[in-house]
């Protein structure tokens, strides 16, 4: 199976490359030239260079494209329009598109499930909502959408920043009554592998089965790392829910876990 990962140099993209190593996997990167210029499976791609993207698709001829890239929203939208044209008529091809909990960020009174109506107000949420609509209209069931909440991993920027701020005595801003669920880069990679192996279709919310506040989750992280950071807490008048929970039951049991299980997995090889 020939797979092209758009955004393979990012946190999720790296986890996907590692998980899908048994397949014929290529990927793209943008800025990390020193890290990837000698890797013949990695191709430099600027999201604003549509012609280069088309040339890359024609050269690689992927059967599966996984889109977890970042960058300018307008440029990404144009790139995904080109992608739909490339995939048109290729009935054996598939696209896995990474979306976000922000497609519901104008509706925060309750957590959301896969079949809920999208309702975004942030620029990021509206962009992702537009991409979802574009891809599903053009590709139908050949487009699988993964909506993910806050992503953590052993080498993730959030974790590194939290450690550095605690060490330097900088205040960490947290929200007491914003309730989220959370996911790991490795959990996402496991889910993608299952989707490919079992040819699963539709929309997937990939995250913990429970929620806790933005503030409480970071307190749990600090406890695991034996840190005593300065938290600067903010509380709003009403609770807000930015969680994307799943109503699906067609993934292995290991894909359904709690926040405490996520933390155990995150820190099982962490050196404190």
Protein backbone atom coordinates (compact mmCIF):
# COMPACT_ATOMS: atom_id res chain seq x y z
CA UNK A 1 0.00 0.00 0.00
CA UNK A 2 1.50 3.35 -1.09
CA UNK A 3 0.82 6.06 1.50
CA UNK A 4 1.59 9.78 1.35
CA UNK A 5 1.47 11.70 4.65
CA UNK A 6 1.03 15.45 4.25
CA UNK A 7 2.71 16.96 7.30
CA UNK A 8 4.85 13.94 8.15
CA UNK A 9 7.34 16.06 10.12
CA UNK A 10 4.81 17.13 12.77
CA UNK A 11 3.91 15.41 16.03
CA UNK A 12 1.11 13.30 14.55
CA UNK A 13 2.87 12.77 11.22
CA UNK A 14 5.97 11.36 12.91
CA UNK A 15 3.83 8.94 14.94
CA UNK A 16 2.08 7.82 11.74
CA UNK A 17 5.37 7.19 9.92
CA UNK A 18 6.59 5.11 12.84
CA UNK A 19 3.37 3.09 13.11
CA UNK A 20 2.99 2.45 9.37
CA UNK A 21 6.63 1.55 8.78
CA UNK A 22 5.66 -1.78 7.20
CA UNK A 23 3.89 0.05 4.37
CA UNK A 24 5.42 2.06 1.51
CA UNK A 25 5.21 5.46 3.23
CA UNK A 26 6.33 8.84 1.90
CA UNK A 27 5.79 12.17 3.56
CA UNK A 28 6.15 15.92 3.26
CA UNK A 29 7.86 18.53 5.38
CA UNK A 30 8.28 22.27 5.04
CA UNK A 31 10.95 23.87 7.24
CA UNK A 32 13.07 21.07 8.74
CA UNK A 33 15.52 20.89 5.85
CA UNK A 34 18.49 19.68 7.90
CA UNK A 35 16.44 16.84 9.40
CA UNK A 36 14.95 15.51 6.18
CA UNK A 37 16.89 16.63 3.11
CA UNK A 38 18.78 13.30 2.94
CA UNK A 39 15.63 11.16 3.44
CA UNK A 40 14.47 9.94 0.02
CA UNK A 41 11.02 9.19 1.43
CA UNK A 42 10.47 12.79 2.55
CA UNK A 43 9.67 15.63 0.16
CA UNK A 44 9.77 19.33 0.86
CA UNK A 45 6.43 21.04 0.24
CA UNK A 46 5.26 24.59 0.84
CA UNK A 47 1.46 24.73 1.09
CA UNK A 48 1.43 27.78 -1.18
CA UNK A 49 3.11 25.87 -4.05
CA UNK A 50 0.18 24.16 -5.71
CA UNK A 51 2.09 23.18 -8.86
CA UNK A 52 4.76 21.43 -6.79
CA UNK A 53 2.01 19.57 -4.94
CA UNK A 54 0.44 18.33 -8.18
CA UNK A 55 3.84 17.19 -9.44
CA UNK A 56 4.44 15.33 -6.18
CA UNK A 57 1.10 13.52 -6.38
CA UNK A 58 1.77 12.48 -9.97
CA UNK A 59 5.26 11.23 -9.09
CA UNK A 60 4.36 9.31 -5.91
CA UNK A 61 0.96 7.99 -7.11
CA UNK A 62 -0.30 7.24 -3.57
CA UNK A 63 -3.23 4.93 -2.93
CA UNK A 64 -3.82 6.51 0.48
CA UNK A 65 -3.23 10.14 1.41
CA UNK A 66 -3.20 11.19 5.06
CA UNK A 67 -3.55 14.93 5.57
CA UNK A 68 -2.31 16.25 8.91
CA UNK A 69 -0.46 19.29 7.61
CA UNK A 70 -0.42 22.74 9.14
CA UNK A 71 0.05 26.20 7.65
CA UNK A 72 -1.83 29.03 6.00
CA UNK A 73 -5.55 28.21 5.94
CA UNK A 74 -6.31 29.62 2.48
CA UNK A 75 -3.31 27.84 0.96
CA UNK A 76 -4.33 24.54 2.57
CA UNK A 77 -7.86 24.89 1.23
CA UNK A 78 -6.50 25.41 -2.29
CA UNK A 79 -4.19 22.43 -1.86
CA UNK A 80 -7.06 20.19 -0.83
CA UNK A 81 -9.08 21.32 -3.85
CA UNK A 82 -6.18 20.16 -6.02
CA UNK A 83 -6.13 16.92 -4.06
CA UNK A 84 -9.80 16.20 -4.84
CA UNK A 85 -9.09 16.70 -8.55
CA UNK A 86 -6.20 14.25 -8.36
CA UNK A 87 -8.32 11.64 -6.57
CA UNK A 88 -11.36 12.07 -8.82
CA UNK A 89 -11.98 8.84 -10.68
CA UNK A 90 -9.43 6.89 -8.65
CA UNK A 91 -11.98 4.69 -6.92
CA UNK A 92 -9.36 2.57 -5.16
CA UNK A 93 -7.85 5.62 -3.45
CA UNK A 94 -8.61 6.93 0.02
CA UNK A 95 -8.04 10.11 2.00
CA UNK A 96 -7.75 10.35 5.77
CA UNK A 97 -8.22 13.97 6.82
CA UNK A 98 -7.37 15.32 10.24
CA UNK A 99 -9.91 17.78 11.58
CA UNK A 100 -10.42 19.22 15.05
CA UNK A 101 -12.75 19.71 17.99
CA UNK A 102 -12.85 23.38 16.93
CA UNK A 103 -15.46 22.58 14.27
CA UNK A 104 -17.89 22.77 17.23
CA UNK A 105 -16.41 25.84 18.97
CA UNK A 106 -19.57 27.89 18.57
CA UNK A 107 -21.53 25.27 20.52
CA UNK A 108 -19.92 24.64 23.90
CA UNK A 109 -22.85 23.67 26.11
CA UNK A 110 -22.16 19.92 25.80
CA UNK A 111 -19.57 17.54 24.35
CA UNK A 112 -20.01 16.52 20.71
CA UNK A 113 -20.24 13.22 18.85
CA UNK A 114 -19.49 12.20 15.27
CA UNK A 115 -22.93 12.89 13.80
CA UNK A 116 -23.51 16.26 15.46
CA UNK A 117 -24.00 19.29 13.22
CA UNK A 118 -20.81 21.32 12.81
CA UNK A 119 -20.92 24.80 14.31
CA UNK A 120 -17.68 26.79 14.31
CA UNK A 121 -16.91 30.45 14.93
CA UNK A 122 -13.10 30.62 15.22
CA UNK A 123 -11.07 31.15 12.05
CA UNK A 124 -9.44 27.75 12.58
CA UNK A 125 -12.74 25.98 13.21
CA UNK A 126 -14.40 27.55 10.17
CA UNK A 127 -11.42 26.57 7.97
CA UNK A 128 -11.56 22.95 9.13
CA UNK A 129 -15.33 22.89 8.66
CA UNK A 130 -14.89 24.14 5.08
CA UNK A 131 -12.26 21.48 4.38
CA UNK A 132 -14.48 18.72 5.74
CA UNK A 133 -17.36 19.85 3.54
CA UNK A 134 -15.18 20.14 0.44
CA UNK A 135 -13.62 16.70 0.85
CA UNK A 136 -16.78 14.83 1.77
CA UNK A 137 -18.71 16.35 -1.13
CA UNK A 138 -15.96 15.50 -3.63
CA UNK A 139 -14.92 12.07 -2.33
CA UNK A 140 -17.91 10.72 -0.43
CA UNK A 141 -17.11 7.62 1.60
CA UNK A 142 -13.51 7.57 0.32
CA UNK A 143 -12.81 10.47 2.70
CA UNK A 144 -12.37 9.42 6.34
CA UNK A 145 -12.36 12.27 8.85
CA UNK A 146 -10.61 12.12 12.21
CA UNK A 147 -11.56 14.89 14.64
CA UNK A 148 -9.05 15.19 17.41
CA UNK A 149 -8.99 17.12 20.68
CA UNK A 150 -5.83 18.39 22.41
CA UNK A 151 -2.92 16.15 21.34
CA UNK A 152 -0.14 15.09 23.70
CA UNK A 153 2.92 12.91 23.26
CA UNK A 154 6.24 12.19 24.89
CA UNK A 155 7.99 14.77 22.69
CA UNK A 156 5.11 17.17 22.16
CA UNK A 157 5.63 20.96 22.29
CA UNK A 158 2.96 21.36 25.00
CA UNK A 159 4.84 19.06 27.37
CA UNK A 160 8.20 20.65 26.63
CA UNK A 161 6.78 24.15 27.15
CA UNK A 162 5.18 23.15 30.45
CA UNK A 163 8.46 21.73 31.76
CA UNK A 164 10.38 24.83 30.70
CA UNK A 165 7.87 27.24 32.22
CA UNK A 166 7.87 25.35 35.51
CA UNK A 167 11.68 25.34 35.58
CA UNK A 168 11.84 29.08 34.84
CA UNK A 169 9.11 30.06 37.29
CA UNK A 170 6.78 31.31 34.56
CA UNK A 171 3.05 31.25 35.19
CA UNK A 172 1.08 28.64 33.23
CA UNK A 173 -2.33 29.96 32.22
CA UNK A 174 -5.13 27.42 32.77
CA UNK A 175 -8.92 27.40 32.48
CA UNK A 176 -10.88 25.99 35.40
CA UNK A 177 -14.19 25.31 33.71
CA UNK A 178 -13.23 24.52 30.13
CA UNK A 179 -13.78 20.75 29.87
CA UNK A 180 -11.97 18.73 27.20
CA UNK A 181 -11.00 15.22 26.34
CA UNK A 182 -7.46 14.46 25.22
CA UNK A 183 -5.54 12.19 22.90
CA UNK A 184 -2.03 10.87 22.26
CA UNK A 185 -0.04 10.90 19.03
CA UNK A 186 0.33 7.13 19.44
CA UNK A 187 -3.42 6.65 19.97
CA UNK A 188 -4.09 8.50 16.72
CA UNK A 189 -1.55 6.36 14.86
CA UNK A 190 -3.14 3.17 16.23
CA UNK A 191 -6.56 4.37 15.06
CA UNK A 192 -5.31 5.14 11.54
CA UNK A 193 -3.73 1.69 11.29
CA UNK A 194 -7.06 0.08 12.22
CA UNK A 195 -8.94 2.22 9.71
CA UNK A 196 -6.59 1.17 6.92
CA UNK A 197 -6.48 -2.51 7.84
CA UNK A 198 -10.27 -2.85 8.23
CA UNK A 199 -11.27 -0.33 5.56
CA UNK A 200 -13.39 1.61 8.04
CA UNK A 201 -15.30 4.63 6.78
CA UNK A 202 -16.92 7.80 8.08
CA UNK A 203 -16.05 10.17 10.90
CA UNK A 204 -14.02 9.23 13.99
CA UNK A 205 -13.55 11.19 17.22
CA UNK A 206 -10.20 10.03 18.58
CA UNK A 207 -9.73 10.83 22.24
CA UNK A 208 -10.35 9.78 25.81
CA UNK A 209 -13.80 8.56 26.80
CA UNK A 210 -13.95 10.98 29.73
CA UNK A 211 -13.29 14.67 30.27
CA UNK A 212 -11.64 16.95 32.77
CA UNK A 213 -10.94 20.66 32.88
CA UNK A 214 -8.01 22.27 31.10
CA UNK A 215 -6.66 23.24 34.54
CA UNK A 216 -7.11 19.84 36.18
CA UNK A 217 -5.40 18.03 33.31
CA UNK A 218 -2.32 20.19 33.68
CA UNK A 219 -2.30 19.64 37.42
CA UNK A 220 -2.30 15.89 36.72
CA UNK A 221 0.66 16.37 34.32
CA UNK A 222 2.55 18.38 36.93
CA UNK A 223 1.95 15.69 39.54
CA UNK A 224 3.25 12.97 37.21
CA UNK A 225 6.41 15.01 36.57
CA UNK A 226 6.87 16.04 40.23
CA UNK A 227 6.68 19.69 39.19
CA UNK A 228 5.35 22.56 41.26
CA UNK A 229 4.53 25.16 38.61
CA UNK A 230 2.79 28.46 39.15
CA UNK A 231 -0.70 28.14 37.69
CA UNK A 232 -2.59 31.27 36.71
CA UNK A 233 -6.19 30.12 36.68
CA UNK A 234 -9.08 31.72 34.83
CA UNK A 235 -12.71 30.91 35.52
CA UNK A 236 -15.63 31.97 33.33
CA UNK A 237 -19.26 32.28 34.33
CA UNK A 238 -20.38 29.07 32.65
CA UNK A 239 -18.82 25.70 31.93
CA UNK A 240 -17.65 25.17 28.35
CA UNK A 241 -17.26 21.76 26.73
CA UNK A 242 -14.71 21.39 23.93
CA UNK A 243 -14.68 17.60 23.94
CA UNK A 244 -15.20 15.31 20.95
CA UNK A 245 -16.44 11.98 22.29
CA UNK A 246 -17.15 8.90 20.21
CA UNK A 247 -20.36 6.98 19.66
CA UNK A 248 -18.57 4.36 17.55
CA UNK A 249 -17.86 0.84 18.73
CA UNK A 250 -15.99 -0.61 15.76
CA UNK A 251 -12.45 -0.01 17.01
CA UNK A 252 -10.49 -2.36 19.28
CA UNK A 253 -11.06 -2.04 23.03
CA UNK A 254 -7.56 -0.60 23.44
CA UNK A 255 -8.68 2.50 21.54
CA UNK A 256 -11.18 3.40 24.27
CA UNK A 257 -9.39 4.66 27.36
CA UNK A 258 -9.67 7.21 30.12
CA UNK A 259 -7.57 10.25 30.97
CA UNK A 260 -5.78 8.36 33.74
CA UNK A 261 -4.96 5.56 31.29
CA UNK A 262 -3.68 8.16 28.82
CA UNK A 263 -1.39 9.64 31.46
CA UNK A 264 -0.08 6.18 32.39
CA UNK A 265 0.71 5.54 28.75
CA UNK A 266 2.27 8.97 28.25
CA UNK A 267 4.64 8.65 31.21
CA UNK A 268 5.40 4.94 31.25
CA UNK A 269 8.85 5.63 29.76
CA UNK A 270 9.20 9.19 30.99
CA UNK A 271 12.37 9.93 32.90
CA UNK A 272 11.52 12.26 35.78
